[in-house]
């Protein structure tokens, strides 16, 4: 809660890019805290990702999800976000997702 309160204070009205990671999957959402709505989301649990037969627990999966969220956020009209790593260390899959989202056009 303390981390999210500080993010909201620094956000200046920008949406929040929230990451959730487990041992098997990774998911991400673009959230507008002012209105309390999710603007875009992407995950390794989606049907199109699972049908490819790839694992959701590696760096390549995180990169794919990062590119997916960048495309979906652009479609929703979002270009700038505040990165919320959710208490996870900025390393490995979280870092790969963030870098892929930046390459896809999100600014944070």
Protein backbone atom coordinates (compact mmCIF):
# COMPACT_ATOMS: atom_id res chain seq x y z
CA UNK A 1 0.00 0.00 0.00
CA UNK A 2 2.83 2.40 0.83
CA UNK A 3 4.48 1.78 -2.55
CA UNK A 4 1.24 2.43 -4.47
CA UNK A 5 0.49 5.58 -2.46
CA UNK A 6 3.89 6.99 -3.40
CA UNK A 7 3.36 6.03 -7.05
CA UNK A 8 0.01 7.81 -7.16
CA UNK A 9 1.52 10.92 -5.58
CA UNK A 10 4.27 11.05 -8.23
CA UNK A 11 2.11 9.98 -11.16
CA UNK A 12 0.62 13.36 -11.93
CA UNK A 13 -2.52 11.81 -13.43
CA UNK A 14 -0.70 9.19 -15.53
CA UNK A 15 -2.02 5.62 -15.59
CA UNK A 16 -0.16 2.92 -13.69
CA UNK A 17 1.50 -0.08 -15.39
CA UNK A 18 1.08 -2.80 -12.76
CA UNK A 19 3.01 -6.09 -12.97
CA UNK A 20 2.01 -9.37 -11.31
CA UNK A 21 4.35 -12.33 -11.46
CA UNK A 22 4.07 -15.92 -10.31
CA UNK A 23 6.29 -18.94 -10.77
CA UNK A 24 4.44 -19.95 -13.96
CA UNK A 25 2.94 -16.76 -15.41
CA UNK A 26 3.32 -13.00 -15.72
CA UNK A 27 0.56 -10.45 -16.25
CA UNK A 28 0.38 -6.69 -16.57
CA UNK A 29 -2.37 -4.05 -16.50
CA UNK A 30 -2.61 -0.37 -17.35
CA UNK A 31 -4.81 1.10 -14.61
CA UNK A 32 -6.35 4.56 -14.37
CA UNK A 33 -6.49 5.10 -10.60
CA UNK A 34 -8.49 8.32 -10.89
CA UNK A 35 -11.46 6.49 -12.44
CA UNK A 36 -10.66 3.05 -11.03
CA UNK A 37 -10.69 1.26 -14.39
CA UNK A 38 -8.32 -1.02 -16.26
CA UNK A 39 -7.47 0.46 -19.66
CA UNK A 40 -5.47 -2.48 -21.07
CA UNK A 41 -4.14 -5.84 -19.93
CA UNK A 42 -1.95 -8.68 -21.17
CA UNK A 43 -0.97 -12.01 -19.68
CA UNK A 44 0.63 -15.37 -20.40
CA UNK A 45 -2.67 -16.96 -19.31
CA UNK A 46 -4.51 -15.69 -22.40
CA UNK A 47 -5.81 -18.20 -24.89
CA UNK A 48 -3.67 -16.95 -27.78
CA UNK A 49 -0.49 -17.27 -25.71
CA UNK A 50 -1.33 -20.69 -24.25
CA UNK A 51 -2.18 -22.11 -27.68
CA UNK A 52 1.37 -21.35 -28.87
CA UNK A 53 2.66 -23.95 -26.40
CA UNK A 54 5.28 -21.63 -24.91
CA UNK A 55 6.09 -21.42 -21.21
CA UNK A 56 4.93 -18.34 -19.36
CA UNK A 57 7.81 -18.51 -16.90
CA UNK A 58 10.78 -17.26 -18.92
CA UNK A 59 12.29 -14.06 -20.33
CA UNK A 60 10.91 -14.54 -23.84
CA UNK A 61 7.36 -14.80 -22.48
CA UNK A 62 7.86 -11.58 -20.51
CA UNK A 63 9.09 -9.82 -23.65
CA UNK A 64 6.04 -10.98 -25.61
CA UNK A 65 3.70 -9.73 -22.87
CA UNK A 66 5.57 -6.40 -22.78
CA UNK A 67 5.07 -5.92 -26.52
CA UNK A 68 1.40 -6.94 -26.22
CA UNK A 69 0.70 -4.38 -23.48
CA UNK A 70 2.43 -1.63 -25.43
CA UNK A 71 0.23 -2.30 -28.46
CA UNK A 72 -2.97 -2.52 -26.41
CA UNK A 73 -2.15 0.62 -24.43
CA UNK A 74 -1.50 2.54 -27.65
CA UNK A 75 -4.85 1.34 -28.96
CA UNK A 76 -6.46 2.67 -25.75
CA UNK A 77 -4.70 6.03 -26.25
CA UNK A 78 -2.11 5.67 -23.49
CA UNK A 79 1.50 6.65 -24.22
CA UNK A 80 2.89 7.56 -20.76
CA UNK A 81 2.57 5.45 -17.62
CA UNK A 82 4.09 5.05 -14.17
CA UNK A 83 5.75 1.66 -13.65
CA UNK A 84 4.47 -0.30 -10.63
CA UNK A 85 6.64 -3.38 -10.17
CA UNK A 86 4.42 -4.50 -7.29
CA UNK A 87 7.23 -5.15 -4.84
CA UNK A 88 9.07 -7.43 -7.25
CA UNK A 89 12.76 -6.76 -7.83
CA UNK A 90 13.51 -4.98 -11.12
CA UNK A 91 15.41 -7.97 -12.47
CA UNK A 92 14.82 -10.88 -14.80
CA UNK A 93 11.27 -11.19 -16.13
CA UNK A 94 10.08 -7.86 -14.69
CA UNK A 95 12.99 -6.05 -16.34
CA UNK A 96 12.45 -7.87 -19.66
CA UNK A 97 8.76 -6.91 -19.65
CA UNK A 98 9.56 -3.26 -18.90
CA UNK A 99 12.18 -3.01 -21.63
CA UNK A 100 9.88 -4.65 -24.20
CA UNK A 101 7.08 -2.23 -23.27
CA UNK A 102 9.48 0.70 -23.74
CA UNK A 103 10.51 -0.65 -27.16
CA UNK A 104 6.82 -0.92 -28.02
CA UNK A 105 6.33 2.79 -27.40
CA UNK A 106 5.32 3.21 -23.76
CA UNK A 107 7.17 5.94 -21.88
CA UNK A 108 8.04 5.58 -18.20
